[in-house]
Amino acid sequence: MGTKGNHLGEFEELVLVAVASLTSEAYGVSVMKYLSEEAKRSVNISAIHQGLKRLESKGLVTSHVGGATKVRGGRSKRYFELTETGQYTLKEIMELKIQLYNKVPNFSIKLT
């Protein structure tokens, strides 16, 4: 799993899935809301930002700063996007988990 010998923990994997799901609208608060709503995880914003930084340092996401808005008091948002390596890593993680779960007796996962 992962790239360059890097392995992802469960939290990093969830953040990566959130970025992939949110596409062009992935930024700290939107990732936090996504994890709260979709994964039923209550996580503080600083943990989200740390996770995003780790994913970026591993080359799984890239970021860019959006324009400042009056609503945000003139502050800009940092948006995150999956890299090609990030997409490959998510696919690799999913395939490995399905392969392992499918070895459990009387339990299988079929993707359609």
N, C-alpha and C. Protein backbone atom coordinates (compact mmCIF):
# COMPACT_ATOMS: atom_id res chain seq x y z
N MET A 1 0.84 -1.19 0.00
CA MET A 1 0.00 0.00 0.00
C MET A 1 0.88 1.24 0.00
N GLY A 2 0.39 2.27 -0.66
CA GLY A 2 1.10 3.53 -0.63
C GLY A 2 2.21 3.58 -1.66
N THR A 3 3.00 4.63 -1.57
CA THR A 3 4.06 4.83 -2.54
C THR A 3 5.37 5.03 -1.83
N LYS A 4 6.44 4.74 -2.54
CA LYS A 4 7.78 4.97 -2.01
C LYS A 4 7.95 4.40 -0.60
N GLY A 5 7.33 3.26 -0.32
CA GLY A 5 7.45 2.65 0.99
C GLY A 5 6.59 3.29 2.05
N ASN A 6 5.81 4.30 1.69
CA ASN A 6 4.93 4.96 2.65
C ASN A 6 3.63 4.18 2.78
N HIS A 7 3.21 3.99 3.99
CA HIS A 7 1.93 3.34 4.22
C HIS A 7 0.98 4.37 4.81
N LEU A 8 -0.28 4.22 4.51
CA LEU A 8 -1.28 5.14 5.03
C LEU A 8 -1.98 4.52 6.22
N GLY A 9 -2.17 5.31 7.25
CA GLY A 9 -3.01 4.89 8.36
C GLY A 9 -4.46 5.08 7.98
N GLU A 10 -5.35 4.59 8.82
CA GLU A 10 -6.78 4.68 8.52
C GLU A 10 -7.23 6.14 8.34
N PHE A 11 -6.76 7.02 9.21
CA PHE A 11 -7.17 8.42 9.12
C PHE A 11 -6.71 9.05 7.80
N GLU A 12 -5.45 8.83 7.43
CA GLU A 12 -4.95 9.37 6.18
C GLU A 12 -5.74 8.82 5.00
N GLU A 13 -6.08 7.54 5.06
CA GLU A 13 -6.87 6.94 3.99
C GLU A 13 -8.24 7.61 3.88
N LEU A 14 -8.89 7.85 5.02
CA LEU A 14 -10.19 8.52 5.01
C LEU A 14 -10.08 9.93 4.44
N VAL A 15 -9.05 10.65 4.81
CA VAL A 15 -8.85 12.01 4.29
C VAL A 15 -8.62 11.95 2.78
N LEU A 16 -7.84 10.97 2.33
CA LEU A 16 -7.58 10.82 0.90
C LEU A 16 -8.87 10.51 0.14
N VAL A 17 -9.70 9.64 0.69
CA VAL A 17 -11.00 9.33 0.06
C VAL A 17 -11.87 10.59 0.03
N ALA A 18 -11.85 11.37 1.09
CA ALA A 18 -12.64 12.61 1.12
C ALA A 18 -12.19 13.57 0.03
N VAL A 19 -10.88 13.74 -0.13
CA VAL A 19 -10.36 14.63 -1.18
C VAL A 19 -10.80 14.13 -2.55
N ALA A 20 -10.71 12.82 -2.76
CA ALA A 20 -11.12 12.23 -4.04
C ALA A 20 -12.61 12.47 -4.28
N SER A 21 -13.42 12.32 -3.27
CA SER A 21 -14.86 12.47 -3.39
C SER A 21 -15.29 13.92 -3.60
N LEU A 22 -14.60 14.83 -2.94
CA LEU A 22 -14.97 16.25 -3.01
C LEU A 22 -14.45 16.94 -4.27
N THR A 23 -13.59 16.28 -4.99
CA THR A 23 -12.97 16.79 -6.22
C THR A 23 -12.47 18.21 -6.04
N SER A 24 -12.98 19.16 -6.80
CA SER A 24 -12.44 20.52 -6.77
C SER A 24 -12.84 21.32 -5.54
N GLU A 25 -13.69 20.77 -4.69
CA GLU A 25 -14.14 21.48 -3.49
C GLU A 25 -13.51 20.93 -2.20
N ALA A 26 -12.36 20.29 -2.32
CA ALA A 26 -11.71 19.72 -1.14
C ALA A 26 -10.79 20.75 -0.49
N TYR A 27 -11.18 21.19 0.69
CA TYR A 27 -10.35 22.06 1.52
C TYR A 27 -10.61 21.63 2.96
N GLY A 28 -9.87 22.14 3.91
CA GLY A 28 -9.93 21.67 5.29
C GLY A 28 -11.33 21.46 5.85
N VAL A 29 -12.15 22.49 5.82
CA VAL A 29 -13.49 22.41 6.42
C VAL A 29 -14.38 21.44 5.65
N SER A 30 -14.29 21.43 4.32
CA SER A 30 -15.14 20.51 3.56
C SER A 30 -14.75 19.06 3.81
N VAL A 31 -13.46 18.80 3.99
CA VAL A 31 -13.00 17.44 4.32
C VAL A 31 -13.52 17.05 5.70
N MET A 32 -13.45 17.98 6.66
CA MET A 32 -13.94 17.72 8.01
C MET A 32 -15.43 17.40 7.99
N LYS A 33 -16.21 18.18 7.25
CA LYS A 33 -17.66 17.94 7.14
C LYS A 33 -17.94 16.60 6.47
N TYR A 34 -17.19 16.30 5.42
CA TYR A 34 -17.37 15.04 4.70
C TYR A 34 -17.16 13.85 5.66
N LEU A 35 -16.08 13.89 6.42
CA LEU A 35 -15.79 12.79 7.35
C LEU A 35 -16.85 12.70 8.45
N SER A 36 -17.36 13.83 8.87
CA SER A 36 -18.42 13.83 9.87
C SER A 36 -19.69 13.21 9.33
N GLU A 37 -20.08 13.60 8.12
CA GLU A 37 -21.34 13.13 7.54
C GLU A 37 -21.25 11.72 6.97
N GLU A 38 -20.18 11.42 6.23
CA GLU A 38 -20.09 10.15 5.52
C GLU A 38 -19.46 9.04 6.34
N ALA A 39 -18.48 9.38 7.17
CA ALA A 39 -17.77 8.36 7.95
C ALA A 39 -18.18 8.38 9.42
N LYS A 40 -19.06 9.32 9.77
CA LYS A 40 -19.51 9.46 11.17
C LYS A 40 -18.31 9.64 12.11
N ARG A 41 -17.34 10.45 11.66
CA ARG A 41 -16.14 10.72 12.42
C ARG A 41 -16.10 12.18 12.82
N SER A 42 -15.93 12.43 14.10
CA SER A 42 -15.78 13.79 14.58
C SER A 42 -14.28 14.06 14.73
N VAL A 43 -13.77 14.95 13.89
CA VAL A 43 -12.34 15.24 13.86
C VAL A 43 -12.16 16.74 13.89
N ASN A 44 -11.16 17.22 14.65
CA ASN A 44 -10.94 18.66 14.68
C ASN A 44 -10.17 19.11 13.45
N ILE A 45 -10.31 20.38 13.13
CA ILE A 45 -9.75 20.93 11.90
C ILE A 45 -8.23 20.83 11.86
N SER A 46 -7.56 20.94 12.99
CA SER A 46 -6.10 20.85 12.97
C SER A 46 -5.64 19.45 12.58
N ALA A 47 -6.36 18.42 12.99
CA ALA A 47 -6.03 17.05 12.59
C ALA A 47 -6.21 16.89 11.08
N ILE A 48 -7.27 17.50 10.54
CA ILE A 48 -7.51 17.46 9.09
C ILE A 48 -6.35 18.12 8.36
N HIS A 49 -5.95 19.31 8.81
CA HIS A 49 -4.86 20.02 8.16
C HIS A 49 -3.56 19.23 8.22
N GLN A 50 -3.28 18.60 9.35
CA GLN A 50 -2.07 17.78 9.48
C GLN A 50 -2.13 16.59 8.52
N GLY A 51 -3.29 15.95 8.44
CA GLY A 51 -3.45 14.83 7.52
C GLY A 51 -3.24 15.25 6.07
N LEU A 52 -3.81 16.39 5.70
CA LEU A 52 -3.64 16.89 4.34
C LEU A 52 -2.18 17.21 4.04
N LYS A 53 -1.48 17.79 5.00
CA LYS A 53 -0.05 18.09 4.82
C LYS A 53 0.76 16.81 4.63
N ARG A 54 0.45 15.78 5.44
CA ARG A 54 1.16 14.50 5.30
C ARG A 54 0.91 13.89 3.93
N LEU A 55 -0.35 13.93 3.48
CA LEU A 55 -0.68 13.38 2.16
C LEU A 55 0.04 14.15 1.06
N GLU A 56 0.13 15.45 1.23
CA GLU A 56 0.83 16.27 0.23
C GLU A 56 2.33 15.94 0.23
N SER A 57 2.91 15.77 1.40
CA SER A 57 4.34 15.45 1.47
C SER A 57 4.63 14.07 0.88
N LYS A 58 3.64 13.20 0.87
CA LYS A 58 3.80 11.86 0.27
C LYS A 58 3.50 11.87 -1.22
N GLY A 59 3.09 13.02 -1.74
CA GLY A 59 2.81 13.14 -3.17
C GLY A 59 1.47 12.59 -3.60
N LEU A 60 0.56 12.41 -2.64
CA LEU A 60 -0.75 11.83 -2.96
C LEU A 60 -1.80 12.90 -3.28
N VAL A 61 -1.56 14.12 -2.81
CA VAL A 61 -2.41 15.26 -3.14
C VAL A 61 -1.52 16.45 -3.45
N THR A 62 -2.08 17.38 -4.19
CA THR A 62 -1.44 18.67 -4.42
C THR A 62 -2.40 19.73 -3.89
N SER A 63 -1.89 20.93 -3.70
CA SER A 63 -2.77 22.00 -3.22
C SER A 63 -2.48 23.29 -3.95
N HIS A 64 -3.47 24.14 -3.92
CA HIS A 64 -3.33 25.49 -4.44
C HIS A 64 -4.22 26.41 -3.60
N VAL A 65 -3.86 27.67 -3.57
CA VAL A 65 -4.62 28.64 -2.78
C VAL A 65 -5.65 29.31 -3.68
N GLY A 66 -6.90 29.30 -3.21
CA GLY A 66 -7.98 29.97 -3.94
C GLY A 66 -8.01 31.44 -3.60
N GLY A 67 -8.84 32.17 -4.26
CA GLY A 67 -8.95 33.61 -4.03
C GLY A 67 -9.54 33.94 -2.67
N ALA A 68 -9.13 35.05 -2.11
CA ALA A 68 -9.66 35.52 -0.83
C ALA A 68 -11.08 36.03 -1.03
N THR A 69 -11.90 35.85 0.01
CA THR A 69 -13.29 36.33 -0.07
C THR A 69 -13.62 37.17 1.15
N LYS A 70 -14.60 38.05 1.00
CA LYS A 70 -15.05 38.87 2.12
C LYS A 70 -15.66 38.00 3.21
N VAL A 71 -16.36 36.94 2.80
CA VAL A 71 -17.01 36.03 3.76
C VAL A 71 -15.98 35.45 4.72
N ARG A 72 -14.78 35.19 4.22
CA ARG A 72 -13.71 34.61 5.05
C ARG A 72 -12.80 35.69 5.65
N GLY A 73 -13.24 36.92 5.65
CA GLY A 73 -12.44 38.00 6.23
C GLY A 73 -11.17 38.27 5.44
N GLY A 74 -11.23 38.04 4.13
CA GLY A 74 -10.06 38.29 3.29
C GLY A 74 -9.07 37.15 3.23
N ARG A 75 -9.38 36.05 3.91
CA ARG A 75 -8.47 34.89 3.90
C ARG A 75 -8.78 33.98 2.72
N SER A 76 -7.77 33.28 2.26
CA SER A 76 -7.92 32.36 1.14
C SER A 76 -8.06 30.93 1.66
N LYS A 77 -8.67 30.08 0.83
CA LYS A 77 -8.76 28.65 1.14
C LYS A 77 -7.66 27.93 0.39
N ARG A 78 -7.13 26.87 1.01
CA ARG A 78 -6.19 25.99 0.32
C ARG A 78 -6.97 24.77 -0.14
N TYR A 79 -7.05 24.59 -1.45
CA TYR A 79 -7.77 23.48 -2.05
C TYR A 79 -6.81 22.33 -2.35
N PHE A 80 -7.31 21.11 -2.20
CA PHE A 80 -6.51 19.91 -2.41
C PHE A 80 -7.11 19.06 -3.52
N GLU A 81 -6.24 18.44 -4.30
CA GLU A 81 -6.65 17.54 -5.37
C GLU A 81 -5.79 16.29 -5.32
N LEU A 82 -6.38 15.18 -5.70
CA LEU A 82 -5.67 13.92 -5.81
C LEU A 82 -4.67 13.99 -6.95
N THR A 83 -3.48 13.46 -6.73
CA THR A 83 -2.51 13.32 -7.81
C THR A 83 -2.75 11.98 -8.49
N GLU A 84 -2.07 11.75 -9.57
CA GLU A 84 -2.15 10.44 -10.23
C GLU A 84 -1.67 9.34 -9.27
N THR A 85 -0.64 9.63 -8.51
CA THR A 85 -0.14 8.68 -7.51
C THR A 85 -1.19 8.45 -6.44
N GLY A 86 -1.90 9.49 -6.04
CA GLY A 86 -2.96 9.35 -5.06
C GLY A 86 -4.09 8.47 -5.57
N GLN A 87 -4.45 8.64 -6.82
CA GLN A 87 -5.50 7.80 -7.43
C GLN A 87 -5.06 6.35 -7.45
N TYR A 88 -3.83 6.11 -7.86
CA TYR A 88 -3.29 4.76 -7.91
C TYR A 88 -3.26 4.15 -6.50
N THR A 89 -2.85 4.93 -5.53
CA THR A 89 -2.76 4.45 -4.15
C THR A 89 -4.13 4.05 -3.62
N LEU A 90 -5.16 4.88 -3.86
CA LEU A 90 -6.52 4.53 -3.41
C LEU A 90 -6.98 3.23 -4.04
N LYS A 91 -6.73 3.09 -5.33
CA LYS A 91 -7.13 1.86 -6.03
C LYS A 91 -6.39 0.66 -5.44
N GLU A 92 -5.11 0.82 -5.19
CA GLU A 92 -4.28 -0.25 -4.63
C GLU A 92 -4.78 -0.66 -3.23
N ILE A 93 -5.11 0.32 -2.40
CA ILE A 93 -5.62 0.04 -1.06
C ILE A 93 -6.94 -0.72 -1.13
N MET A 94 -7.85 -0.25 -2.00
CA MET A 94 -9.15 -0.89 -2.12
C MET A 94 -9.00 -2.33 -2.61
N GLU A 95 -8.18 -2.54 -3.63
CA GLU A 95 -8.00 -3.88 -4.16
C GLU A 95 -7.42 -4.83 -3.13
N LEU A 96 -6.45 -4.36 -2.36
CA LEU A 96 -5.85 -5.20 -1.33
C LEU A 96 -6.87 -5.58 -0.27
N LYS A 97 -7.65 -4.59 0.18
CA LYS A 97 -8.65 -4.88 1.21
C LYS A 97 -9.70 -5.86 0.71
N ILE A 98 -10.16 -5.69 -0.53
CA ILE A 98 -11.16 -6.61 -1.08
C ILE A 98 -10.56 -8.01 -1.18
N GLN A 99 -9.33 -8.09 -1.64
CA GLN A 99 -8.65 -9.39 -1.75
C GLN A 99 -8.57 -10.07 -0.38
N LEU A 100 -8.21 -9.33 0.64
CA LEU A 100 -8.10 -9.90 1.99
C LEU A 100 -9.46 -10.30 2.55
N TYR A 101 -10.46 -9.43 2.39
CA TYR A 101 -11.80 -9.74 2.89
C TYR A 101 -12.39 -10.94 2.17
N ASN A 102 -12.11 -11.08 0.90
CA ASN A 102 -12.64 -12.20 0.15
C ASN A 102 -12.05 -13.54 0.59
N LYS A 103 -10.98 -13.52 1.35
CA LYS A 103 -10.39 -14.76 1.88
C LYS A 103 -11.04 -15.19 3.19
N VAL A 104 -11.86 -14.31 3.75
CA VAL A 104 -12.57 -14.64 4.98
C VAL A 104 -13.72 -15.61 4.62
N PRO A 105 -13.79 -16.77 5.29
CA PRO A 105 -14.86 -17.73 4.97
C PRO A 105 -16.26 -17.11 5.11
N ASN A 106 -17.12 -17.44 4.17
CA ASN A 106 -18.53 -17.00 4.17
C ASN A 106 -18.69 -15.48 4.09
N PHE A 107 -17.73 -14.83 3.45
CA PHE A 107 -17.76 -13.37 3.36
C PHE A 107 -17.10 -12.98 2.05
N SER A 108 -17.78 -12.23 1.22
CA SER A 108 -17.12 -11.76 0.00
C SER A 108 -17.69 -10.41 -0.42
N ILE A 109 -16.87 -9.68 -1.12
CA ILE A 109 -17.24 -8.36 -1.59
C ILE A 109 -17.18 -8.40 -3.12
N LYS A 110 -18.25 -8.02 -3.74
CA LYS A 110 -18.29 -7.94 -5.19
C LYS A 110 -18.55 -6.50 -5.58
N LEU A 111 -17.72 -5.99 -6.45
CA LEU A 111 -17.91 -4.63 -6.95
C LEU A 111 -18.64 -4.70 -8.27
N THR A 112 -19.56 -3.78 -8.46
CA THR A 112 -20.31 -3.76 -9.72
C THR A 112 -19.90 -2.55 -10.53
